[in-house]
Amino acid sequence: MAAMLGGGDGGLGQFPLEQWFYEMPYWRLLTTFIYFGPLSLDLLFHVFFLQRYARMLEESSGRSSATFAWLLFYAITTLLAIAPLFSMAFLGTALSSTLVYIWARRNPDTRLSFLGLLVFRAPFLPWVLIAFSVVLHGHWPKDEIAGLVVGHFWYYFSDIYPALHNNQRPLDPPDWWRRLFEGRPQADATEHDAPAPIVRDIAAAAAPELR
């Protein structure tokens, strides 16, 4: 640790800490999610699943861009937070696994076919992909397992927890986040834009008498 911190003199390696902070390539916090490793069959599967199940999750959320964007924000920030604990440099596969896990748990009756050889229900899909990675690479994919853990937290607190705790949803997007994507809520817009109520007594007095 002392060697990594430059002997404890306030620097990181051979660079002063302040210089390291200002010159850090912050774009890598996002580009790490679009790298899936060298070209392989496993890479093709994860790229396909990422775009497919991301689209399906967005459609299943009622086309609410705020809800789906909040899910992505949760997954990205959580994976970035735990990545140092598991020495994960690239998080594209982990993000893909998170989205696949959430979709699979929300569609328990959907039947899938893997390579035309194995037929199973959707909740088994994440585990089938992990087994496939083990066969290809010979070791347990910690990035996929981390993605499953992150996805399970979202699924539990969004789909199971509310039914047990009076419909409380701790992972729902806050109001300020919804306003960023959807504008002012319809109820507020109606309240502010509605015409002033008509006082019936005045209206009756103003109406001409018919004979």
Protein backbone atom coordinates (compact mmCIF):
# COMPACT_ATOMS: atom_id res chain seq x y z
CA MET A 1 0.00 0.00 0.00
CA ALA A 2 2.84 2.39 0.84
CA ALA A 3 4.44 1.69 -2.52
CA MET A 4 1.17 2.34 -4.31
CA LEU A 5 0.69 5.63 -2.49
CA GLY A 6 4.24 6.72 -3.15
CA GLY A 7 5.60 5.93 0.30
CA GLY A 8 2.82 7.78 2.10
CA ASP A 9 4.07 11.23 1.04
CA GLY A 10 0.73 12.42 -0.32
CA GLY A 11 1.20 11.19 -3.86
CA LEU A 12 -0.18 8.34 -5.90
CA GLY A 13 2.76 6.39 -7.30
CA GLN A 14 5.18 8.94 -8.72
CA PHE A 15 2.50 11.60 -9.24
CA PRO A 16 1.29 14.15 -6.69
CA LEU A 17 -2.23 13.38 -5.53
CA GLU A 18 -3.57 16.74 -6.74
CA GLN A 19 -2.10 16.20 -10.21
CA TRP A 20 -3.53 12.69 -10.33
CA PHE A 21 -7.00 14.02 -9.39
CA TYR A 22 -7.10 16.72 -12.06
CA GLU A 23 -5.55 14.62 -14.82
CA MET A 24 -7.59 11.48 -14.22
CA PRO A 25 -9.37 10.34 -17.44
CA TYR A 26 -12.91 10.55 -16.10
CA TRP A 27 -14.43 9.39 -19.37
CA ARG A 28 -13.31 5.89 -18.45
CA LEU A 29 -16.07 5.82 -15.85
CA LEU A 30 -18.47 5.47 -18.80
CA THR A 31 -16.37 3.78 -21.48
CA THR A 32 -15.74 0.88 -19.12
CA PHE A 33 -19.37 -0.14 -19.76
CA ILE A 34 -18.97 -0.48 -23.53
CA TYR A 35 -15.98 -2.83 -23.48
CA PHE A 36 -16.74 -6.56 -23.36
CA GLY A 37 -13.30 -8.04 -23.87
CA PRO A 38 -11.64 -9.52 -26.95
CA LEU A 39 -13.73 -10.77 -29.84
CA SER A 40 -15.32 -14.07 -28.92
CA LEU A 41 -18.64 -15.90 -28.91
CA ASP A 42 -19.13 -14.86 -25.30
CA LEU A 43 -18.70 -11.19 -26.29
CA LEU A 44 -21.30 -11.49 -29.05
CA PHE A 45 -23.79 -12.99 -26.62
CA HIS A 46 -23.37 -10.19 -24.09
CA VAL A 47 -23.63 -7.40 -26.66
CA PHE A 48 -26.78 -9.00 -28.07
CA PHE A 49 -28.33 -9.51 -24.63
CA LEU A 50 -27.48 -5.96 -23.52
CA GLN A 51 -29.32 -4.27 -26.37
CA ARG A 52 -32.17 -6.81 -26.43
CA TYR A 53 -33.04 -6.88 -22.74
CA ALA A 54 -32.38 -3.19 -22.21
CA ARG A 55 -35.02 -2.49 -24.86
CA MET A 56 -37.43 -5.01 -23.35
CA LEU A 57 -37.00 -3.58 -19.86
CA GLU A 58 -37.70 -0.07 -21.13
CA GLU A 59 -40.84 -1.27 -22.91
CA SER A 60 -42.05 -3.18 -19.86
CA SER A 61 -41.67 -0.06 -17.70
CA GLY A 62 -44.51 1.57 -19.61
CA ARG A 63 -42.09 3.42 -21.87
CA SER A 64 -41.17 5.59 -18.89
CA SER A 65 -37.79 6.97 -19.82
CA ALA A 66 -37.29 8.26 -16.27
CA THR A 67 -37.74 4.82 -14.69
CA PHE A 68 -35.43 3.08 -17.13
CA ALA A 69 -32.81 5.83 -16.91
CA TRP A 70 -32.92 5.55 -13.11
CA LEU A 71 -32.34 1.81 -13.40
CA LEU A 72 -29.28 2.43 -15.58
CA PHE A 73 -28.02 5.10 -13.17
CA TYR A 74 -28.44 2.71 -10.23
CA ALA A 75 -26.68 -0.14 -12.02
CA ILE A 76 -23.79 2.01 -13.27
CA THR A 77 -23.09 3.74 -9.95
CA THR A 78 -23.39 0.52 -7.94
CA LEU A 79 -21.08 -1.40 -10.27
CA LEU A 80 -18.54 1.45 -10.18
CA ALA A 81 -18.67 1.40 -6.38
CA ILE A 82 -18.04 -2.34 -6.03
CA ALA A 83 -15.62 -2.73 -8.95
CA PRO A 84 -12.49 -2.00 -6.85
CA LEU A 85 -13.51 -4.66 -4.34
CA PHE A 86 -13.41 -7.35 -7.05
CA SER A 87 -10.63 -5.85 -9.19
CA MET A 88 -12.96 -5.43 -12.17
CA ALA A 89 -11.48 -3.08 -14.76
CA PHE A 90 -14.25 -3.42 -17.36
CA LEU A 91 -17.93 -3.48 -16.50
CA GLY A 92 -19.77 -4.03 -19.79
CA THR A 93 -20.43 -7.68 -19.02
CA ALA A 94 -21.53 -6.87 -15.47
CA LEU A 95 -24.06 -4.29 -16.72
CA SER A 96 -25.38 -6.77 -19.28
CA SER A 97 -25.80 -9.40 -16.56
CA THR A 98 -27.68 -6.92 -14.35
CA LEU A 99 -30.26 -6.15 -17.03
CA VAL A 100 -30.61 -9.79 -18.07
CA TYR A 101 -31.20 -10.85 -14.46
CA ILE A 102 -33.92 -8.23 -13.86
CA TRP A 103 -35.75 -9.10 -17.07
CA ALA A 104 -35.48 -12.83 -16.38
CA ARG A 105 -36.94 -12.55 -12.87
CA ARG A 106 -39.83 -10.42 -14.15
CA ASN A 107 -40.76 -12.96 -16.84
CA PRO A 108 -40.80 -16.30 -14.99
CA ASP A 109 -43.11 -18.06 -17.46
CA THR A 110 -41.20 -17.17 -20.62
CA ARG A 111 -39.51 -20.16 -22.24
CA LEU A 112 -36.14 -19.69 -23.93
CA SER A 113 -33.88 -21.80 -26.10
CA PHE A 114 -30.09 -21.58 -25.88
CA LEU A 115 -28.26 -22.44 -29.11
CA GLY A 116 -31.27 -24.54 -30.06
CA LEU A 117 -30.11 -27.26 -27.67
CA LEU A 118 -31.34 -26.29 -24.22
CA VAL A 119 -34.89 -25.16 -23.42
CA PHE A 120 -35.55 -23.52 -20.04
CA ARG A 121 -37.58 -20.82 -18.34
CA ALA A 122 -36.35 -17.23 -18.24
CA PRO A 123 -35.20 -17.14 -14.57
CA PHE A 124 -32.50 -19.70 -15.43
CA LEU A 125 -31.01 -17.55 -18.21
CA PRO A 126 -28.38 -15.75 -16.06
CA TRP A 127 -27.13 -19.05 -14.70
CA VAL A 128 -27.00 -20.60 -18.16
CA LEU A 129 -24.82 -17.68 -19.31
CA ILE A 130 -22.52 -18.10 -16.31
CA ALA A 131 -22.16 -21.82 -17.05
CA PHE A 132 -21.42 -20.98 -20.67
CA SER A 133 -18.66 -18.57 -19.59
CA VAL A 134 -17.17 -21.19 -17.29
CA VAL A 135 -17.04 -23.68 -20.17
CA LEU A 136 -15.41 -21.13 -22.49
CA HIS A 137 -12.91 -19.58 -20.07
CA GLY A 138 -12.41 -22.23 -17.40
CA HIS A 139 -13.13 -19.98 -14.40
CA TRP A 140 -16.05 -18.33 -12.65
CA PRO A 141 -16.87 -14.92 -14.20
CA LYS A 142 -16.83 -12.55 -11.23
CA ASP A 143 -18.14 -9.67 -13.36
CA GLU A 144 -21.27 -11.62 -14.29
CA ILE A 145 -21.80 -12.71 -10.69
CA ALA A 146 -21.44 -9.09 -9.53
CA GLY A 147 -24.03 -8.08 -12.13
CA LEU A 148 -26.43 -10.70 -10.79
CA VAL A 149 -26.04 -9.39 -7.24
CA VAL A 150 -26.71 -5.80 -8.34
CA GLY A 151 -29.70 -6.93 -10.40
CA HIS A 152 -31.11 -8.93 -7.52
CA PHE A 153 -31.07 -5.90 -5.20
CA TRP A 154 -33.02 -3.89 -7.77
CA TYR A 155 -35.51 -6.71 -8.38
CA TYR A 156 -36.07 -7.32 -4.66
CA PHE A 157 -36.63 -3.69 -3.68
CA SER A 158 -38.72 -2.91 -6.79
CA ASP A 159 -40.87 -6.05 -7.12
CA ILE A 160 -40.90 -7.94 -3.81
CA TYR A 161 -40.28 -5.39 -1.05
CA PRO A 162 -43.28 -3.12 -1.89
CA ALA A 163 -45.76 -5.98 -1.46
CA LEU A 164 -44.38 -6.68 2.01
CA HIS A 165 -44.12 -3.07 3.23
CA ASN A 166 -47.30 -1.19 2.28
CA ASN A 167 -46.20 -0.48 -1.29
CA GLN A 168 -43.06 1.40 -0.24
CA ARG A 169 -40.62 1.58 -3.18
CA PRO A 170 -37.18 2.71 -1.99
CA LEU A 171 -35.60 2.40 -5.44
CA ASP A 172 -38.21 4.35 -7.40
CA PRO A 173 -36.81 7.48 -9.10
CA PRO A 174 -37.28 10.68 -7.08
CA ASP A 175 -39.57 13.43 -8.32
CA TRP A 176 -36.72 15.69 -9.44
CA TRP A 177 -35.40 12.87 -11.62
CA ARG A 178 -38.83 12.31 -13.21
CA ARG A 179 -39.11 16.02 -13.97
CA LEU A 180 -35.80 15.89 -15.85
CA PHE A 181 -37.25 13.34 -18.29
CA GLU A 182 -41.00 13.79 -18.20
CA GLY A 183 -41.51 17.43 -17.29
CA ARG A 184 -44.05 18.61 -14.74
CA PRO A 185 -46.38 15.84 -13.46
CA GLN A 186 -49.80 15.84 -15.09
CA ALA A 187 -51.57 16.43 -11.80
CA ASP A 188 -49.53 19.57 -11.11
CA ALA A 189 -50.00 20.80 -14.66
CA THR A 190 -53.76 20.35 -14.41
CA GLU A 191 -53.85 22.14 -11.08
CA HIS A 192 -51.90 25.16 -12.34
CA ASP A 193 -53.38 25.38 -15.83
CA ALA A 194 -57.05 24.74 -15.04
CA PRO A 195 -59.36 27.77 -15.37
CA ALA A 196 -60.72 29.40 -12.25
CA PRO A 197 -63.86 27.70 -10.91
CA ILE A 198 -67.17 29.36 -11.72
CA VAL A 199 -69.22 30.51 -8.77
CA ARG A 200 -72.63 29.13 -9.48
CA ASP A 201 -74.50 31.95 -7.73
CA ILE A 202 -72.85 34.58 -9.93
CA ALA A 203 -73.42 32.51 -13.06
CA ALA A 204 -77.07 32.11 -12.22
CA ALA A 205 -77.50 35.79 -11.58
CA ALA A 206 -75.81 36.71 -14.84
CA ALA A 207 -77.89 34.30 -16.93
CA PRO A 208 -80.75 36.03 -18.75
CA GLU A 209 -84.23 35.14 -17.71
CA LEU A 210 -86.17 33.26 -20.34
CA ARG A 211 -89.88 33.95 -20.76
